[in-house]
Amino acid sequence: MNKHTLIAKGKLGEFMGMSVQAITQKIHKGKEGIDIPFALKIGNSYRWKLGTVMQFIDEKEHERKVLLSLPMRDDKPVSKVQINRV
């Protein structure tokens, strides 16, 4: 598969560790771009470019690493805004 390959909900679920029903709920709740990558709607079905999915996963991994590198206060990460206020 190349980065332009389109994948369906089932394959996206495999990559994201989610069920097809969970993906459908995320779409209907407007969570595209937050919890799942943005989809292409073709007819009545949703498809995702494999490259977009992989990039989304990489970005989420990077966000997690940044979050874990922030100083902690009361077992919660301190935001950059809070750091500037200290």
Protein backbone atom coordinates (compact mmCIF):
# COMPACT_ATOMS: atom_id res chain seq x y z
CA MET A 1 0.00 0.00 0.00
CA ASN A 2 1.20 3.50 -0.74
CA LYS A 3 0.33 6.74 1.04
CA HIS A 4 -2.49 7.52 -1.43
CA THR A 5 -4.28 4.22 -0.79
CA LEU A 6 -7.78 4.78 0.56
CA ILE A 7 -8.84 2.69 3.54
CA ALA A 8 -12.29 2.04 5.02
CA LYS A 9 -13.49 2.24 8.63
CA GLY A 10 -12.52 -1.35 9.37
CA LYS A 11 -8.89 -0.83 8.37
CA LEU A 12 -8.79 2.56 10.16
CA GLY A 13 -10.09 0.77 13.26
CA GLU A 14 -7.21 -1.71 13.02
CA PHE A 15 -4.66 1.12 12.83
CA MET A 16 -6.27 3.14 15.63
CA GLY A 17 -7.28 0.24 17.88
CA MET A 18 -10.95 1.24 17.69
CA SER A 19 -14.16 -0.43 16.61
CA VAL A 20 -16.05 0.62 13.49
CA GLN A 21 -18.88 1.80 15.76
CA ALA A 22 -16.50 4.03 17.74
CA ILE A 23 -15.20 5.59 14.52
CA THR A 24 -18.77 6.23 13.34
CA GLN A 25 -19.57 7.90 16.67
CA LYS A 26 -16.47 10.12 16.43
CA ILE A 27 -17.52 11.25 12.95
CA HIS A 28 -21.06 12.11 14.06
CA LYS A 29 -19.82 13.90 17.19
CA GLY A 30 -17.51 16.11 15.12
CA LYS A 31 -14.28 14.61 16.49
CA GLU A 32 -12.53 14.35 13.11
CA GLY A 33 -9.09 15.88 13.38
CA ILE A 34 -9.16 15.43 17.17
CA ASP A 35 -9.71 11.74 17.87
CA ILE A 36 -9.54 10.40 14.32
CA PRO A 37 -8.04 11.75 11.10
CA PHE A 38 -10.17 13.74 8.68
CA ALA A 39 -12.04 11.53 6.23
CA LEU A 40 -12.94 11.84 2.58
CA LYS A 41 -16.64 11.25 1.99
CA ILE A 42 -17.20 9.39 -1.25
CA GLY A 43 -20.88 8.77 -1.89
CA ASN A 44 -22.29 7.46 1.37
CA SER A 45 -19.03 6.06 2.68
CA TYR A 46 -16.00 7.49 4.44
CA ARG A 47 -12.44 6.74 3.35
CA TRP A 48 -9.07 7.79 4.72
CA LYS A 49 -5.79 8.23 2.87
CA LEU A 50 -3.24 5.90 4.40
CA GLY A 51 -0.64 8.69 4.44
CA THR A 52 -3.02 10.97 6.36
CA VAL A 53 -3.69 8.24 8.92
CA MET A 54 0.01 7.57 9.46
CA GLN A 55 0.73 11.30 9.79
CA PHE A 56 -2.12 11.66 12.32
CA ILE A 57 -0.71 8.81 14.40
CA ASP A 58 2.79 10.32 14.28
CA GLU A 59 1.44 13.72 15.37
CA LYS A 60 -0.46 12.17 18.28
CA GLU A 61 2.71 10.35 19.34
CA HIS A 62 4.66 13.63 19.21
CA GLU A 63 1.96 15.45 21.23
CA ARG A 64 2.14 12.72 23.86
CA LYS A 65 5.93 12.99 24.10
CA VAL A 66 5.70 16.77 24.49
CA LEU A 67 3.02 16.40 27.15
CA LEU A 68 5.12 13.91 29.08
CA SER A 69 8.15 16.22 28.93
CA LEU A 70 6.30 19.10 30.66
CA PRO A 71 6.91 19.69 34.36
CA MET A 72 4.37 18.02 36.67
CA ARG A 73 2.29 19.55 39.44
CA ASP A 74 -0.07 17.37 41.51
CA ASP A 75 0.56 14.47 39.09
CA LYS A 76 -0.71 16.56 36.13
CA PRO A 77 1.36 18.23 33.42
CA VAL A 78 1.78 21.97 33.83
CA SER A 79 0.84 23.88 30.67
CA LYS A 80 3.20 26.41 29.09
CA VAL A 81 0.78 29.17 30.18
CA GLN A 82 1.06 28.02 33.79
CA ILE A 83 4.84 27.87 33.52
CA ASN A 84 4.95 31.48 32.34
CA ARG A 85 2.78 32.55 35.29
CA VAL A 86 5.08 30.96 37.87
